[in-house]
Amino acid sequence: MRLLLIRHGDPNYELDCLTEKGRKEAALLAEDIEKWDVGTVYLSPMRRAQQTASFSLRKLSIRAETLPWLREFDHSVDVNGCPELIEAYPSSRLDPLTNKYTLRIPWDLLPRYKAEHPELYDKEGWRHSDIAVHSGITENYDYLISRFDALLKEHGYERWKSIYKVNQRNEETVTFFCHLGMTNAILSHLFNVSPFALWDNICFPSCAITELVTEEREEGYANFKAVRIGESAHLLKANEPFGSSAMFPTSYYKK
């Protein structure tokens, strides 16, 4: 079995749509999409992912199914009542009317905080961290992976402990047009690591493709292996600069 996880094009997050650059990226992806043999396609319900997919779906003359749970994993951390988290998320703003701080995306925390809290990188420890306690991410993560595993089971691969039982071996491709946070959450489940280990350390350029295939060394059992992470050759050959929408502007990387 083969999985493709495609991030949406360069976004306008406030309007949940593609920028002009994002539309160009999506069009460049569509020019290459036939080479990828996308198979069965599923979409996030969010507009920026739907717009990205529309270019490729039109090129291939195929339809896709929208899955509500495939939306971006943007469940927020409530830093109120935990002073240490207020320091960890410096982008939080105090609302003078409510005297409360704004909610934050889980992976927006400072590197120093991560270094001082190794439980965030533990496969099970992250579930008991202050961030998990002050947010709904544990429940939402578990819901996401339960829906993902249910979908894989429909395609013949059933989760068993940390790997998959092969109920019906196939060479089918399943493609997801979704998001950075969502992709890293799925990968953390497949790799059996804390999602923070990927949220904090992997950034896919907009419109990038991540490819995984099953390794079935023992009959009846499978493991998913990544063979490409953040593939962006369709942008490189067109001299289209990588988008940095998922990185902070103080990073070394430049647009």
Protein backbone atom coordinates (compact mmCIF):
# COMPACT_ATOMS: atom_id res chain seq x y z
CA MET A 1 0.00 0.00 0.00
CA ARG A 2 1.12 3.53 -0.67
CA LEU A 3 0.15 6.83 0.97
CA LEU A 4 0.59 10.36 -0.40
CA LEU A 5 0.15 13.32 1.96
CA ILE A 6 0.00 16.63 0.06
CA ARG A 7 0.12 19.95 1.87
CA HIS A 8 -1.97 22.82 0.55
CA GLY A 9 -0.43 25.71 -1.37
CA ASP A 10 0.77 28.98 0.15
CA PRO A 11 -2.15 30.13 2.33
CA ASN A 12 -3.96 33.20 3.51
CA TYR A 13 -4.80 31.74 6.92
CA GLU A 14 -7.21 34.51 7.89
CA LEU A 15 -9.41 33.90 4.83
CA ASP A 16 -8.60 30.18 4.62
CA CYS A 17 -7.73 30.33 0.94
CA LEU A 18 -4.72 30.28 -1.35
CA THR A 19 -2.63 33.32 -2.09
CA GLU A 20 -1.62 34.12 -5.66
CA LYS A 21 1.61 32.20 -4.97
CA GLY A 22 -0.41 29.29 -3.59
CA ARG A 23 -2.51 29.10 -6.75
CA LYS A 24 0.66 29.06 -8.84
CA GLU A 25 2.07 26.24 -6.68
CA ALA A 26 -1.15 24.24 -7.02
CA ALA A 27 -1.07 24.70 -10.81
CA LEU A 28 2.54 23.50 -10.94
CA LEU A 29 1.62 20.46 -8.87
CA ALA A 30 -1.22 19.68 -11.27
CA GLU A 31 1.24 19.68 -14.19
CA ASP A 32 3.13 16.84 -12.46
CA ILE A 33 0.26 15.03 -10.79
CA GLU A 34 -0.19 12.32 -13.43
CA LYS A 35 3.27 10.98 -12.57
CA TRP A 36 2.19 10.28 -8.99
CA ASP A 37 -0.68 7.83 -9.64
CA VAL A 38 -2.80 9.29 -6.83
CA GLY A 39 -5.37 6.49 -6.64
CA THR A 40 -8.18 7.21 -4.17
CA VAL A 41 -8.17 10.85 -3.07
CA TYR A 42 -9.42 12.35 0.20
CA LEU A 43 -9.65 16.04 1.06
CA SER A 44 -9.58 18.23 4.12
CA PRO A 45 -12.78 20.29 4.40
CA MET A 46 -10.75 23.50 4.74
CA ARG A 47 -10.87 25.84 1.79
CA ARG A 48 -7.11 26.15 1.21
CA ALA A 49 -6.78 22.37 0.83
CA GLN A 50 -9.87 22.13 -1.37
CA GLN A 51 -8.55 24.87 -3.66
CA THR A 52 -5.15 23.17 -3.90
CA ALA A 53 -6.71 19.83 -4.82
CA SER A 54 -9.07 21.35 -7.39
CA PHE A 55 -6.23 21.98 -9.86
CA SER A 56 -5.10 18.34 -9.78
CA LEU A 57 -8.59 16.85 -9.71
CA ARG A 58 -9.52 18.89 -12.75
CA LYS A 59 -6.34 17.80 -14.56
CA LEU A 60 -7.03 14.13 -13.78
CA SER A 61 -10.81 14.37 -14.31
CA ILE A 62 -11.48 12.56 -11.04
CA ARG A 63 -13.51 13.17 -7.90
CA ALA A 64 -12.43 13.09 -4.27
CA GLU A 65 -14.14 12.55 -0.92
CA THR A 66 -14.01 15.22 1.79
CA LEU A 67 -13.29 13.92 5.30
CA PRO A 68 -14.26 16.32 8.13
CA TRP A 69 -11.57 14.94 10.48
CA LEU A 70 -8.80 15.70 7.95
CA ARG A 71 -8.92 19.43 8.76
CA GLU A 72 -5.81 21.10 10.17
CA PHE A 73 -4.77 19.96 13.64
CA ASP A 74 -5.01 23.46 15.10
CA HIS A 75 -6.53 22.69 18.49
CA SER A 76 -5.48 25.42 20.87
CA VAL A 77 -3.57 25.61 24.14
CA ASP A 78 -5.20 27.71 26.87
CA VAL A 79 -2.25 29.36 28.61
CA ASN A 80 -4.44 31.10 31.20
CA GLY A 81 -3.85 29.80 34.68
CA CYS A 82 -0.39 28.47 33.86
CA PRO A 83 2.25 31.26 33.98
CA GLU A 84 4.96 28.97 32.61
CA LEU A 85 2.94 28.40 29.44
CA ILE A 86 2.42 32.14 29.00
CA GLU A 87 6.22 32.43 28.82
CA ALA A 88 6.42 29.43 26.50
CA TYR A 89 4.01 31.02 24.02
CA PRO A 90 5.19 34.64 23.76
CA SER A 91 2.77 35.35 20.91
CA SER A 92 -0.13 35.14 23.37
CA ARG A 93 -1.79 38.52 23.78
CA LEU A 94 -3.66 39.75 26.83
CA ASP A 95 -7.19 40.85 26.00
CA PRO A 96 -7.84 43.97 28.12
CA LEU A 97 -11.59 43.34 28.07
CA THR A 98 -11.49 39.79 29.39
CA ASN A 99 -8.07 39.96 31.08
CA LYS A 100 -7.28 36.62 29.45
CA TYR A 101 -4.56 35.55 27.06
CA THR A 102 -5.31 34.39 23.54
CA LEU A 103 -5.19 30.69 22.74
CA ARG A 104 -2.15 29.32 20.95
CA ILE A 105 -1.40 26.54 18.44
CA PRO A 106 0.46 23.72 20.29
CA TRP A 107 3.65 23.85 18.19
CA ASP A 108 4.13 27.62 18.48
CA LEU A 109 6.07 27.29 21.75
CA LEU A 110 9.64 28.51 22.22
CA PRO A 111 12.59 26.10 21.72
CA ARG A 112 13.89 26.82 25.21
CA TYR A 113 10.67 25.50 26.76
CA LYS A 114 10.94 22.29 24.74
CA ALA A 115 14.53 21.80 25.87
CA GLU A 116 13.45 22.12 29.50
CA HIS A 117 10.51 19.70 29.11
CA PRO A 118 11.76 16.42 27.62
CA GLU A 119 8.38 14.80 28.31
CA LEU A 120 7.14 16.50 25.15
CA TYR A 121 9.38 14.18 23.13
CA ASP A 122 8.39 11.03 24.98
CA LYS A 123 5.97 8.73 23.11
CA GLU A 124 3.56 8.68 26.07
CA GLY A 125 4.93 11.46 28.27
CA TRP A 126 3.65 14.28 26.06
CA ARG A 127 0.10 13.25 27.00
CA HIS A 128 0.74 14.30 30.61
CA SER A 129 2.55 17.56 29.85
CA ASP A 130 1.21 20.95 30.93
CA ILE A 131 0.44 21.68 27.28
CA ALA A 132 -1.74 18.59 27.00
CA VAL A 133 -3.44 19.32 30.33
CA HIS A 134 -4.31 22.88 29.25
CA SER A 135 -5.67 21.91 25.84
CA GLY A 136 -7.76 19.30 24.10
CA ILE A 137 -4.95 17.99 21.95
CA THR A 138 -4.76 14.51 23.50
CA GLU A 139 -8.43 13.78 22.86
CA ASN A 140 -8.28 15.34 19.42
CA TYR A 141 -5.10 13.46 18.51
CA ASP A 142 -6.66 10.17 19.58
CA TYR A 143 -9.79 10.92 17.56
CA LEU A 144 -7.72 11.78 14.49
CA ILE A 145 -5.65 8.60 14.58
CA SER A 146 -8.72 6.47 15.27
CA ARG A 147 -10.39 7.85 12.12
CA PHE A 148 -7.16 7.46 10.13
CA ASP A 149 -6.77 3.85 11.24
CA ALA A 150 -10.42 3.13 10.47
CA LEU A 151 -9.83 4.39 6.93
CA LEU A 152 -6.71 2.25 6.50
CA LYS A 153 -8.68 -0.76 7.71
CA GLU A 154 -11.21 -0.12 4.93
CA HIS A 155 -8.26 -0.40 2.55
CA GLY A 156 -7.02 -3.67 4.05
CA TYR A 157 -4.52 -2.58 6.74
CA GLU A 158 -5.57 -2.89 10.39
CA ARG A 159 -3.64 -1.32 13.27
CA TRP A 160 -2.14 -3.90 15.64
CA LYS A 161 -0.01 -2.60 18.50
CA SER A 162 2.61 -0.42 16.77
CA ILE A 163 2.30 -1.92 13.26
CA TYR A 164 -0.45 -3.08 10.89
CA LYS A 165 -1.99 -6.44 10.15
CA VAL A 166 -2.50 -7.01 6.45
CA ASN A 167 -6.08 -8.21 6.02
CA GLN A 168 -5.99 -7.63 2.29
CA ARG A 169 -2.63 -6.96 0.68
CA ASN A 170 -2.72 -4.45 -2.16
CA GLU A 171 -0.62 -1.96 -4.08
CA GLU A 172 -3.27 0.72 -3.89
CA THR A 173 -2.43 4.40 -3.49
CA VAL A 174 -4.41 6.60 -1.08
CA THR A 175 -3.85 10.36 -1.34
CA PHE A 176 -4.69 13.05 1.21
CA PHE A 177 -4.77 16.78 0.45
CA CYS A 178 -4.40 18.27 3.91
CA HIS A 179 -2.11 20.30 6.18
CA LEU A 180 1.27 20.54 7.87
CA GLY A 181 0.09 19.94 11.45
CA MET A 182 -2.24 17.15 10.36
CA THR A 183 0.46 15.43 8.28
CA ASN A 184 2.93 15.49 11.16
CA ALA A 185 0.29 14.11 13.54
CA ILE A 186 -0.36 11.21 11.15
CA LEU A 187 3.37 10.59 10.67
CA SER A 188 3.94 10.55 14.44
CA HIS A 189 1.33 7.79 14.71
CA LEU A 190 2.88 5.77 11.88
CA PHE A 191 6.40 6.27 13.29
CA ASN A 192 5.31 5.65 16.93
CA VAL A 193 6.79 8.88 18.29
CA SER A 194 5.48 11.96 20.07
CA PRO A 195 3.74 14.37 17.67
CA PHE A 196 5.83 17.20 19.15
CA ALA A 197 8.96 15.52 17.79
CA LEU A 198 7.61 16.17 14.29
CA TRP A 199 5.54 19.32 14.84
CA ASP A 200 8.65 21.07 16.12
CA ASN A 201 11.21 19.70 13.68
CA ILE A 202 9.64 19.10 10.27
CA CYS A 203 8.34 21.85 8.02
CA PHE A 204 7.04 20.92 4.59
CA PRO A 205 7.03 23.64 1.93
CA SER A 206 3.58 24.55 0.69
CA CYS A 207 2.30 22.10 -1.93
CA ALA A 208 4.93 19.52 -0.95
CA ILE A 209 4.31 15.77 -1.21
CA THR A 210 5.20 13.15 1.38
CA GLU A 211 5.17 9.51 0.25
CA LEU A 212 5.01 6.37 2.39
CA VAL A 213 4.92 2.73 1.39
CA THR A 214 4.33 -0.46 3.33
CA GLU A 215 7.26 -2.72 4.07
CA GLU A 216 5.87 -6.26 4.40
CA ARG A 217 8.84 -8.43 5.36
CA GLU A 218 6.68 -10.90 7.26
CA GLU A 219 3.49 -12.26 5.73
CA GLY A 220 0.44 -10.64 7.28
CA TYR A 221 2.23 -7.68 8.90
CA ALA A 222 3.23 -4.26 7.58
CA ASN A 223 5.18 -1.19 8.57
CA PHE A 224 4.89 2.19 6.85
CA LYS A 225 8.15 3.76 5.68
CA ALA A 226 8.64 7.26 4.31
CA VAL A 227 10.46 7.29 0.99
CA ARG A 228 9.97 11.01 0.34
CA ILE A 229 9.32 13.79 2.83
CA GLY A 230 8.32 17.21 1.53
CA GLU A 231 9.04 16.43 -2.15
CA SER A 232 8.87 19.71 -4.11
CA ALA A 233 10.52 18.92 -7.45
CA HIS A 234 7.53 20.39 -9.30
CA LEU A 235 8.37 23.76 -7.73
CA LEU A 236 12.13 23.46 -8.15
CA LYS A 237 12.04 22.80 -11.87
CA ALA A 238 9.82 25.85 -12.37
CA ASN A 239 12.17 27.98 -10.24
CA GLU A 240 9.30 28.68 -7.86
CA PRO A 241 10.70 29.61 -4.41
CA PHE A 242 9.62 27.47 -1.49
CA GLY A 243 6.96 29.08 0.69
CA SER A 244 7.82 29.57 4.35
CA SER A 245 4.27 29.98 5.68
CA ALA A 246 4.83 27.38 8.42
CA MET A 247 8.06 28.88 9.71
CA PHE A 248 8.69 31.89 11.90
CA PRO A 249 10.20 34.95 10.14
CA THR A 250 13.21 34.95 12.44
CA SER A 251 14.39 31.61 11.00
CA TYR A 252 17.45 31.39 8.79
CA TYR A 253 15.31 30.22 5.88
CA LYS A 254 14.34 33.00 3.48
CA LYS A 255 11.56 33.21 0.92
